[in-house]
Amino acid sequence: MTDPMATVLAAGRRSARQDALFTVLGVTVIALAFAYAGVFDLGRYKGALTTILTLAGDASPPDFSRWAKWGKPLVETLAMSIAGTVLGGLVALPLGALAARNVTPSWAGEPVRLMLNAMRSIPGLIWGVLFVAAVGFGPLPGIFALACHSTGVLGKFYSEIFEHVDRAPGDALRAHGVSPLGVFRFSVWPQVLPRLMDATIYRWEHNVRAATTLGVVGAGGLGLEIVTAFHLFEYREAAALVLVLLAMVTVLNGGSAFIRRRFLGAS
């Protein structure tokens, strides 16, 4: 007869060996990635600090003389982030529900999951180039670019939220004859709404920053002003624009924290 204790100990040793193997493999992959990227090439760092200090000196003090002309780009950046997030969230909600494994069968959900994966795999800048070519310059292509990438990311988040719904309250309601719509209204929706909102707010915070980078491809906003200033070697103005961007992000982060406390009960 097999000794139960010996079996448990043997299983524990196998698990420990597997954990050690995966740890070694993980550390090896990370070290190779650092080496391939040149992190350990000390010659690359020669003069780097001097260059950074020189650029910082050229950008000081920040030049706010053109501040009156930054209102429109600031509003464009904010509008792109809001509209892109809302549009992406509206599209992602039904797609996320379809992608949830506990909502739809595999044959129906897998194509949706593949589509969401493709949409978030394409960088926002690539989406920006595509839509700038399609609809021209300005904030409009930025909105569509943010919406497409946000659909892929939020669709993934939403599907996972739906998959982690506690089924017990719904089963109890069904046992009392509540309709499927009632189960969704009183069991599923109260569970998922706070997490859906939290994921959407997080994505909006990201899109504020992403909207700035889209200026590189001509999608307007503060990003275009910053890139233009660098191209013209107006480093002091670029520094001022970066400070304006940081101030806007700080204010918006404070606003999103208030929303979480007020509506989601977050601390």
C-alpha atoms as a PDB file:
ATOM      1  CA  MET A   1       0.000   0.000   0.000  1.00  0.00           C
ATOM      2  CA  THR A   2       1.299   3.435  -0.927  1.00  0.00           C
ATOM      3  CA  ASP A   3       2.163   5.685   1.990  1.00  0.00           C
ATOM      4  CA  PRO A   4      -0.102   8.804   1.720  1.00  0.00           C
ATOM      5  CA  MET A   5       2.511  10.964   3.407  1.00  0.00           C
ATOM      6  CA  ALA A   6       5.196   9.844   0.960  1.00  0.00           C
ATOM      7  CA  THR A   7       2.866  10.633  -1.931  1.00  0.00           C
ATOM      8  CA  VAL A   8       2.211  14.123  -0.603  1.00  0.00           C
ATOM      9  CA  LEU A   9       5.907  14.777  -0.029  1.00  0.00           C
ATOM     10  CA  ALA A  10       6.802  13.530  -3.511  1.00  0.00           C
ATOM     11  CA  ALA A  11       4.146  15.791  -5.057  1.00  0.00           C
ATOM     12  CA  GLY A  12       5.510  18.703  -3.035  1.00  0.00           C
ATOM     13  CA  ARG A  13       9.050  18.047  -4.257  1.00  0.00           C
ATOM     14  CA  ARG A  14       7.867  17.870  -7.874  1.00  0.00           C
ATOM     15  CA  SER A  15       6.003  21.149  -7.450  1.00  0.00           C
ATOM     16  CA  ALA A  16       9.082  22.772  -5.881  1.00  0.00           C
ATOM     17  CA  ARG A  17      11.292  21.589  -8.760  1.00  0.00           C
ATOM     18  CA  GLN A  18       8.800  22.914 -11.308  1.00  0.00           C
ATOM     19  CA  ASP A  19       8.611  26.268  -9.523  1.00  0.00           C
ATOM     20  CA  ALA A  20      12.407  26.476  -9.433  1.00  0.00           C
ATOM     21  CA  LEU A  21      12.620  25.608 -13.130  1.00  0.00           C
ATOM     22  CA  PHE A  22      10.055  28.247 -14.102  1.00  0.00           C
ATOM     23  CA  THR A  23      11.837  30.815 -11.926  1.00  0.00           C
ATOM     24  CA  VAL A  24      15.181  30.101 -13.605  1.00  0.00           C
ATOM     25  CA  LEU A  25      13.578  30.263 -17.049  1.00  0.00           C
ATOM     26  CA  GLY A  26      11.833  33.538 -16.195  1.00  0.00           C
ATOM     27  CA  VAL A  27      15.012  35.156 -14.865  1.00  0.00           C
ATOM     28  CA  THR A  28      16.935  33.932 -17.925  1.00  0.00           C
ATOM     29  CA  VAL A  29      14.389  35.404 -20.331  1.00  0.00           C
ATOM     30  CA  ILE A  30      14.426  38.724 -18.477  1.00  0.00           C
ATOM     31  CA  ALA A  31      18.245  38.841 -18.464  1.00  0.00           C
ATOM     32  CA  LEU A  32      18.364  38.047 -22.188  1.00  0.00           C
ATOM     33  CA  ALA A  33      15.831  40.795 -22.893  1.00  0.00           C
ATOM     34  CA  PHE A  34      17.948  43.314 -20.958  1.00  0.00           C
ATOM     35  CA  ALA A  35      21.093  42.165 -22.749  1.00  0.00           C
ATOM     36  CA  TYR A  36      19.493  42.278 -26.202  1.00  0.00           C
ATOM     37  CA  ALA A  37      18.254  45.824 -25.557  1.00  0.00           C
ATOM     38  CA  GLY A  38      21.783  46.930 -24.626  1.00  0.00           C
ATOM     39  CA  VAL A  39      21.095  47.640 -20.959  1.00  0.00           C
ATOM     40  CA  PHE A  40      24.417  46.069 -19.943  1.00  0.00           C
ATOM     41  CA  ASP A  41      26.421  47.935 -22.615  1.00  0.00           C
ATOM     42  CA  LEU A  42      28.081  50.519 -20.391  1.00  0.00           C
ATOM     43  CA  GLY A  43      29.541  52.357 -23.366  1.00  0.00           C
ATOM     44  CA  ARG A  44      26.031  53.477 -24.331  1.00  0.00           C
ATOM     45  CA  TYR A  45      25.788  55.565 -21.172  1.00  0.00           C
ATOM     46  CA  LYS A  46      28.912  57.615 -21.858  1.00  0.00           C
ATOM     47  CA  GLY A  47      27.906  61.261 -22.033  1.00  0.00           C
ATOM     48  CA  ALA A  48      24.225  60.493 -21.460  1.00  0.00           C
ATOM     49  CA  LEU A  49      23.976  62.487 -18.236  1.00  0.00           C
ATOM     50  CA  THR A  50      25.780  65.448 -19.794  1.00  0.00           C
ATOM     51  CA  THR A  51      23.368  65.436 -22.746  1.00  0.00           C
ATOM     52  CA  ILE A  52      20.351  65.295 -20.463  1.00  0.00           C
ATOM     53  CA  LEU A  53      21.639  68.165 -18.350  1.00  0.00           C
ATOM     54  CA  THR A  54      22.370  70.197 -21.485  1.00  0.00           C
ATOM     55  CA  LEU A  55      18.812  69.682 -22.779  1.00  0.00           C
ATOM     56  CA  ALA A  56      17.415  70.538 -19.363  1.00  0.00           C
ATOM     57  CA  GLY A  57      19.461  73.728 -19.391  1.00  0.00           C
ATOM     58  CA  ASP A  58      18.233  74.632 -22.889  1.00  0.00           C
ATOM     59  CA  ALA A  59      14.636  74.098 -21.691  1.00  0.00           C
ATOM     60  CA  SER A  60      14.985  76.339 -18.639  1.00  0.00           C
ATOM     61  CA  PRO A  61      13.179  78.407 -17.730  1.00  0.00           C
ATOM     62  CA  PRO A  62       9.933  77.237 -19.405  1.00  0.00           C
ATOM     63  CA  ASP A  63       8.508  79.760 -21.845  1.00  0.00           C
ATOM     64  CA  PHE A  64       4.804  80.439 -21.269  1.00  0.00           C
ATOM     65  CA  SER A  65       4.668  83.470 -23.577  1.00  0.00           C
ATOM     66  CA  ARG A  66       2.289  81.702 -26.003  1.00  0.00           C
ATOM     67  CA  TRP A  67      -0.034  80.346 -23.309  1.00  0.00           C
ATOM     68  CA  ALA A  68      -3.050  82.125 -24.792  1.00  0.00           C
ATOM     69  CA  LYS A  69      -2.801  79.924 -27.906  1.00  0.00           C
ATOM     70  CA  TRP A  70      -2.777  76.644 -25.973  1.00  0.00           C
ATOM     71  CA  GLY A  71      -6.434  76.686 -24.940  1.00  0.00           C
ATOM     72  CA  LYS A  72      -7.697  75.050 -28.122  1.00  0.00           C
ATOM     73  CA  PRO A  73      -5.088  72.236 -28.169  1.00  0.00           C
ATOM     74  CA  LEU A  74      -5.805  71.603 -24.490  1.00  0.00           C
ATOM     75  CA  VAL A  75      -9.531  71.281 -25.154  1.00  0.00           C
ATOM     76  CA  GLU A  76      -8.830  69.062 -28.187  1.00  0.00           C
ATOM     77  CA  THR A  77      -6.762  66.676 -26.056  1.00  0.00           C
ATOM     78  CA  LEU A  78      -9.452  66.513 -23.387  1.00  0.00           C
ATOM     79  CA  ALA A  79     -12.220  66.059 -25.970  1.00  0.00           C
ATOM     80  CA  MET A  80     -10.329  63.267 -27.728  1.00  0.00           C
ATOM     81  CA  SER A  81      -9.814  61.396 -24.465  1.00  0.00           C
ATOM     82  CA  ILE A  82     -13.463  61.692 -23.392  1.00  0.00           C
ATOM     83  CA  ALA A  83     -15.048  60.924 -26.766  1.00  0.00           C
ATOM     84  CA  GLY A  84     -12.612  58.121 -27.547  1.00  0.00           C
ATOM     85  CA  THR A  85     -13.187  56.471 -24.171  1.00  0.00           C
ATOM     86  CA  VAL A  86     -16.981  56.744 -24.351  1.00  0.00           C
ATOM     87  CA  LEU A  87     -17.130  55.458 -27.929  1.00  0.00           C
ATOM     88  CA  GLY A  88     -14.764  52.605 -27.155  1.00  0.00           C
ATOM     89  CA  GLY A  89     -16.688  51.693 -24.004  1.00  0.00           C
ATOM     90  CA  LEU A  90     -20.037  51.641 -25.814  1.00  0.00           C
ATOM     91  CA  VAL A  91     -18.674  49.264 -28.441  1.00  0.00           C
ATOM     92  CA  ALA A  92     -16.719  47.191 -25.922  1.00  0.00           C
ATOM     93  CA  LEU A  93     -19.685  46.525 -23.609  1.00  0.00           C
ATOM     94  CA  PRO A  94     -21.664  44.194 -25.920  1.00  0.00           C
ATOM     95  CA  LEU A  95     -18.466  42.710 -27.356  1.00  0.00           C
ATOM     96  CA  GLY A  96     -17.140  42.058 -23.862  1.00  0.00           C
ATOM     97  CA  ALA A  97     -20.373  40.310 -22.917  1.00  0.00           C
ATOM     98  CA  LEU A  98     -20.150  38.146 -26.041  1.00  0.00           C
ATOM     99  CA  ALA A  99     -16.507  37.346 -25.291  1.00  0.00           C
ATOM    100  CA  ALA A 100     -17.274  36.175 -21.740  1.00  0.00           C
ATOM    101  CA  ARG A 101     -16.961  32.392 -21.573  1.00  0.00           C
ATOM    102  CA  ASN A 102     -19.870  32.057 -19.164  1.00  0.00           C
ATOM    103  CA  VAL A 103     -22.193  34.065 -21.427  1.00  0.00           C
ATOM    104  CA  THR A 104     -21.693  32.656 -24.928  1.00  0.00           C
ATOM    105  CA  PRO A 105     -20.522  29.251 -26.197  1.00  0.00           C
ATOM    106  CA  SER A 106     -16.936  28.889 -27.358  1.00  0.00           C
ATOM    107  CA  TRP A 107     -17.791  28.808 -31.068  1.00  0.00           C
ATOM    108  CA  ALA A 108     -19.484  32.222 -30.778  1.00  0.00           C
ATOM    109  CA  GLY A 109     -17.153  33.864 -28.271  1.00  0.00           C
ATOM    110  CA  GLU A 110     -13.806  32.897 -29.765  1.00  0.00           C
ATOM    111  CA  PRO A 111     -14.120  35.096 -32.921  1.00  0.00           C
ATOM    112  CA  VAL A 112     -15.048  38.056 -30.701  1.00  0.00           C
ATOM    113  CA  ARG A 113     -12.061  37.424 -28.436  1.00  0.00           C
ATOM    114  CA  LEU A 114      -9.769  37.246 -31.462  1.00  0.00           C
ATOM    115  CA  MET A 115     -11.160  40.522 -32.785  1.00  0.00           C
ATOM    116  CA  LEU A 116     -10.674  42.265 -29.434  1.00  0.00           C
ATOM    117  CA  ASN A 117      -7.132  40.911 -29.248  1.00  0.00           C
ATOM    118  CA  ALA A 118      -6.369  42.257 -32.721  1.00  0.00           C
ATOM    119  CA  MET A 119      -7.786  45.698 -31.884  1.00  0.00           C
ATOM    120  CA  ARG A 120      -5.660  46.124 -28.749  1.00  0.00           C
ATOM    121  CA  SER A 121      -2.581  44.583 -30.398  1.00  0.00           C
ATOM    122  CA  ILE A 122      -2.416  47.397 -32.967  1.00  0.00           C
ATOM    123  CA  PRO A 123      -0.748  50.415 -31.270  1.00  0.00           C
ATOM    124  CA  GLY A 124      -2.715  53.615 -30.945  1.00  0.00           C
ATOM    125  CA  LEU A 125      -0.247  55.460 -33.172  1.00  0.00           C
ATOM    126  CA  ILE A 126      -0.907  52.986 -35.990  1.00  0.00           C
ATOM    127  CA  TRP A 127      -4.644  53.525 -35.581  1.00  0.00           C
ATOM    128  CA  GLY A 128      -3.901  57.247 -35.660  1.00  0.00           C
ATOM    129  CA  VAL A 129      -1.982  57.032 -38.934  1.00  0.00           C
ATOM    130  CA  LEU A 130      -4.833  55.016 -40.453  1.00  0.00           C
ATOM    131  CA  PHE A 131      -7.544  57.466 -39.464  1.00  0.00           C
ATOM    132  CA  VAL A 132      -5.498  60.559 -40.321  1.00  0.00           C
ATOM    133  CA  ALA A 133      -5.188  59.113 -43.820  1.00  0.00           C
ATOM    134  CA  ALA A 134      -8.933  58.363 -43.863  1.00  0.00           C
ATOM    135  CA  VAL A 135     -10.486  61.549 -42.426  1.00  0.00           C
ATOM    136  CA  GLY A 136      -7.661  64.100 -42.364  1.00  0.00           C
ATOM    137  CA  PHE A 137      -5.841  65.940 -39.616  1.00  0.00           C
ATOM    138  CA  GLY A 138      -7.299  67.150 -36.343  1.00  0.00           C
ATOM    139  CA  PRO A 139      -8.912  65.607 -33.274  1.00  0.00           C
ATOM    140  CA  LEU A 140     -11.421  63.445 -35.213  1.00  0.00           C
ATOM    141  CA  PRO A 141      -8.892  60.756 -36.239  1.00  0.00           C
ATOM    142  CA  GLY A 142      -7.583  60.867 -32.678  1.00  0.00           C
ATOM    143  CA  ILE A 143     -11.037  60.037 -31.332  1.00  0.00           C
ATOM    144  CA  PHE A 144     -11.391  57.047 -33.659  1.00  0.00           C
ATOM    145  CA  ALA A 145      -7.858  55.851 -32.893  1.00  0.00           C
ATOM    146  CA  LEU A 146      -8.461  55.984 -29.143  1.00  0.00           C
ATOM    147  CA  ALA A 147     -11.867  54.341 -29.562  1.00  0.00           C
ATOM    148  CA  CYS A 148     -10.487  51.402 -31.551  1.00  0.00           C
ATOM    149  CA  HIS A 149      -7.671  50.667 -29.125  1.00  0.00           C
ATOM    150  CA  SER A 150      -9.949  51.251 -26.128  1.00  0.00           C
ATOM    151  CA  THR A 151     -12.502  48.816 -27.555  1.00  0.00           C
ATOM    152  CA  GLY A 152      -9.897  46.060 -27.556  1.00  0.00           C
ATOM    153  CA  VAL A 153      -8.646  46.822 -24.053  1.00  0.00           C
ATOM    154  CA  LEU A 154     -12.013  47.497 -22.423  1.00  0.00           C
ATOM    155  CA  GLY A 155     -13.587  44.522 -24.185  1.00  0.00           C
ATOM    156  CA  LYS A 156     -10.982  42.305 -22.506  1.00  0.00           C
ATOM    157  CA  PHE A 157     -11.612  43.913 -19.106  1.00  0.00           C
ATOM    158  CA  TYR A 158     -15.383  43.751 -19.486  1.00  0.00           C
ATOM    159  CA  SER A 159     -15.370  40.076 -20.506  1.00  0.00           C
ATOM    160  CA  GLU A 160     -13.315  39.160 -17.441  1.00  0.00           C
ATOM    161  CA  ILE A 161     -15.672  41.148 -15.221  1.00  0.00           C
ATOM    162  CA  PHE A 162     -18.670  39.248 -16.601  1.00  0.00           C
ATOM    163  CA  GLU A 163     -16.827  35.947 -16.162  1.00  0.00           C
ATOM    164  CA  HIS A 164     -16.282  36.603 -12.443  1.00  0.00           C
ATOM    165  CA  VAL A 165     -19.914  37.292 -11.614  1.00  0.00           C
ATOM    166  CA  ASP A 166     -21.151  35.379  -8.567  1.00  0.00           C
ATOM    167  CA  ARG A 167     -23.904  33.085  -9.855  1.00  0.00           C
ATOM    168  CA  ALA A 168     -25.416  32.298  -6.447  1.00  0.00           C
ATOM    169  CA  PRO A 169     -27.658  35.409  -6.158  1.00  0.00           C
ATOM    170  CA  GLY A 170     -28.946  34.845  -9.692  1.00  0.00           C
ATOM    171  CA  ASP A 171     -29.670  31.194  -8.999  1.00  0.00           C
ATOM    172  CA  ALA A 172     -31.623  32.194  -5.906  1.00  0.00           C
ATOM    173  CA  LEU A 173     -33.700  34.652  -7.918  1.00  0.00           C
ATOM    174  CA  ARG A 174     -34.383  32.054 -10.613  1.00  0.00           C
ATOM    175  CA  ALA A 175     -35.545  29.624  -7.958  1.00  0.00           C
ATOM    176  CA  HIS A 176     -38.185  32.183  -6.974  1.00  0.00           C
ATOM    177  CA  GLY A 177     -39.384  32.543 -10.562  1.00  0.00           C
ATOM    178  CA  VAL A 178     -37.636  35.791 -11.473  1.00  0.00           C
ATOM    179  CA  SER A 179     -37.271  36.324 -15.231  1.00  0.00           C
ATOM    180  CA  PRO A 180     -33.839  36.396 -16.932  1.00  0.00           C
ATOM    181  CA  LEU A 181     -34.150  40.171 -17.328  1.00  0.00           C
ATOM    182  CA  GLY A 182     -34.899  40.488 -13.630  1.00  0.00           C
ATOM    183  CA  VAL A 183     -31.910  38.299 -12.764  1.00  0.00           C
ATOM    184  CA  PHE A 184     -29.696  40.538 -14.853  1.00  0.00           C
ATOM    185  CA  ARG A 185     -31.195  43.696 -13.329  1.00  0.00           C
ATOM    186  CA  PHE A 186     -30.999  42.666  -9.696  1.00  0.00           C
ATOM    187  CA  SER A 187     -28.064  40.228  -9.630  1.00  0.00           C
ATOM    188  CA  VAL A 188     -25.637  40.656 -12.530  1.00  0.00           C
ATOM    189  CA  TRP A 189     -25.779  44.406 -13.136  1.00  0.00           C
ATOM    190  CA  PRO A 190     -25.203  45.509  -9.502  1.00  0.00           C
ATOM    191  CA  GLN A 191     -22.127  43.253  -9.399  1.00  0.00           C
ATOM    192  CA  VAL A 192     -20.539  44.367 -12.655  1.00  0.00           C
ATOM    193  CA  LEU A 193     -21.409  48.085 -12.742  1.00  0.00           C
ATOM    194  CA  PRO A 194     -18.808  49.311 -10.207  1.00  0.00           C
ATOM    195  CA  ARG A 195     -16.047  47.303 -11.865  1.00  0.00           C
ATOM    196  CA  LEU A 196     -17.114  48.376 -15.353  1.00  0.00           C
ATOM    197  CA  MET A 197     -16.997  52.002 -14.242  1.00  0.00           C
ATOM    198  CA  ASP A 198     -13.617  51.530 -12.575  1.00  0.00           C
ATOM    199  CA  ALA A 199     -12.105  49.973 -15.709  1.00  0.00           C
ATOM    200  CA  THR A 200     -13.576  52.727 -17.897  1.00  0.00           C
ATOM    201  CA  ILE A 201     -12.247  55.504 -15.664  1.00  0.00           C
ATOM    202  CA  TYR A 202      -8.824  53.884 -15.647  1.00  0.00           C
ATOM    203  CA  ARG A 203      -8.903  53.726 -19.437  1.00  0.00           C
ATOM    204  CA  TRP A 204      -9.913  57.389 -19.625  1.00  0.00           C
ATOM    205  CA  GLU A 205      -6.893  58.342 -17.514  1.00  0.00           C
ATOM    206  CA  HIS A 206      -4.715  56.413 -19.958  1.00  0.00           C
ATOM    207  CA  ASN A 207      -6.381  58.014 -22.973  1.00  0.00           C
ATOM    208  CA  VAL A 208      -5.597  61.517 -21.711  1.00  0.00           C
ATOM    209  CA  ARG A 209      -1.922  60.670 -22.088  1.00  0.00           C
ATOM    210  CA  ALA A 210      -2.440  58.667 -25.281  1.00  0.00           C
ATOM    211  CA  ALA A 211      -4.279  61.591 -26.893  1.00  0.00           C
ATOM    212  CA  THR A 212      -1.110  63.628 -26.463  1.00  0.00           C
ATOM    213  CA  THR A 213       1.087  61.117 -28.265  1.00  0.00           C
ATOM    214  CA  LEU A 214      -1.326  61.062 -31.201  1.00  0.00           C
ATOM    215  CA  GLY A 215      -0.206  64.597 -31.981  1.00  0.00           C
ATOM    216  CA  VAL A 216       2.920  63.013 -33.462  1.00  0.00           C
ATOM    217  CA  VAL A 217       0.853  61.728 -36.402  1.00  0.00           C
ATOM    218  CA  GLY A 218      -1.169  64.923 -36.837  1.00  0.00           C
ATOM    219  CA  ALA A 219      -4.171  64.204 -34.618  1.00  0.00           C
ATOM    220  CA  GLY A 220      -4.025  67.645 -33.021  1.00  0.00           C
ATOM    221  CA  GLY A 221      -4.064  68.486 -29.336  1.00  0.00           C
ATOM    222  CA  LEU A 222      -1.173  69.369 -27.064  1.00  0.00           C
ATOM    223  CA  GLY A 223       0.899  66.581 -28.587  1.00  0.00           C
ATOM    224  CA  LEU A 224       1.089  68.394 -31.912  1.00  0.00           C
ATOM    225  CA  GLU A 225       2.156  71.589 -30.137  1.00  0.00           C
ATOM    226  CA  ILE A 226       4.877  69.738 -28.213  1.00  0.00           C
ATOM    227  CA  VAL A 227       6.209  67.983 -31.321  1.00  0.00           C
ATOM    228  CA  THR A 228       6.200  71.244 -33.279  1.00  0.00           C
ATOM    229  CA  ALA A 229       8.107  73.009 -30.498  1.00  0.00           C
ATOM    230  CA  PHE A 230      10.771  70.282 -30.466  1.00  0.00           C
ATOM    231  CA  HIS A 231      11.099  70.368 -34.252  1.00  0.00           C
ATOM    232  CA  LEU A 232      11.679  74.115 -34.086  1.00  0.00           C
ATOM    233  CA  PHE A 233      14.189  73.643 -31.234  1.00  0.00           C
ATOM    234  CA  GLU A 234      11.934  75.702 -28.968  1.00  0.00           C
ATOM    235  CA  TYR A 235      12.854  73.634 -25.939  1.00  0.00           C
ATOM    236  CA  ARG A 236      11.695  76.235 -23.418  1.00  0.00           C
ATOM    237  CA  GLU A 237       8.225  76.300 -24.973  1.00  0.00           C
ATOM    238  CA  ALA A 238       8.185  72.500 -25.127  1.00  0.00           C
ATOM    239  CA  ALA A 239       9.024  72.388 -21.412  1.00  0.00           C
ATOM    240  CA  ALA A 240       6.149  74.763 -20.679  1.00  0.00           C
ATOM    241  CA  LEU A 241       3.754  72.604 -22.689  1.00  0.00           C
ATOM    242  CA  VAL A 242       4.877  69.488 -20.817  1.00  0.00           C
ATOM    243  CA  LEU A 243       4.196  71.276 -17.523  1.00  0.00           C
ATOM    244  CA  VAL A 244       0.725  72.229 -18.765  1.00  0.00           C
ATOM    245  CA  LEU A 245       0.117  68.599 -19.686  1.00  0.00           C
ATOM    246  CA  LEU A 246       1.271  67.432 -16.262  1.00  0.00           C
ATOM    247  CA  ALA A 247      -1.026  69.953 -14.578  1.00  0.00           C
ATOM    248  CA  MET A 248      -3.992  68.781 -16.646  1.00  0.00           C
ATOM    249  CA  VAL A 249      -3.280  65.110 -15.901  1.00  0.00           C
ATOM    250  CA  THR A 250      -2.944  65.869 -12.187  1.00  0.00           C
ATOM    251  CA  VAL A 251      -6.293  67.667 -12.110  1.00  0.00           C
ATOM    252  CA  LEU A 252      -8.005  64.883 -14.061  1.00  0.00           C
ATOM    253  CA  ASN A 253      -6.525  62.212 -11.795  1.00  0.00           C
ATOM    254  CA  GLY A 254      -7.951  64.084  -8.839  1.00  0.00           C
ATOM    255  CA  GLY A 255     -11.327  64.232 -10.584  1.00  0.00           C
ATOM    256  CA  SER A 256     -11.309  60.517 -11.330  1.00  0.00           C
ATOM    257  CA  ALA A 257     -10.397  59.768  -7.711  1.00  0.00           C
ATOM    258  CA  PHE A 258     -13.407  61.842  -6.610  1.00  0.00           C
ATOM    259  CA  ILE A 259     -15.663  59.871  -8.980  1.00  0.00           C
ATOM    260  CA  ARG A 260     -14.399  56.615  -7.518  1.00  0.00           C
ATOM    261  CA  ARG A 261     -15.048  57.786  -3.965  1.00  0.00           C
ATOM    262  CA  ARG A 262     -18.427  59.284  -4.776  1.00  0.00           C
ATOM    263  CA  PHE A 263     -19.949  56.631  -7.005  1.00  0.00           C
ATOM    264  CA  LEU A 264     -17.903  53.472  -6.529  1.00  0.00           C
ATOM    265  CA  GLY A 265     -17.220  53.616  -2.824  1.00  0.00           C
ATOM    266  CA  ALA A 266     -13.444  53.400  -3.369  1.00  0.00           C
ATOM    267  CA  SER A 267     -11.120  54.659  -0.686  1.00  0.00           C
END
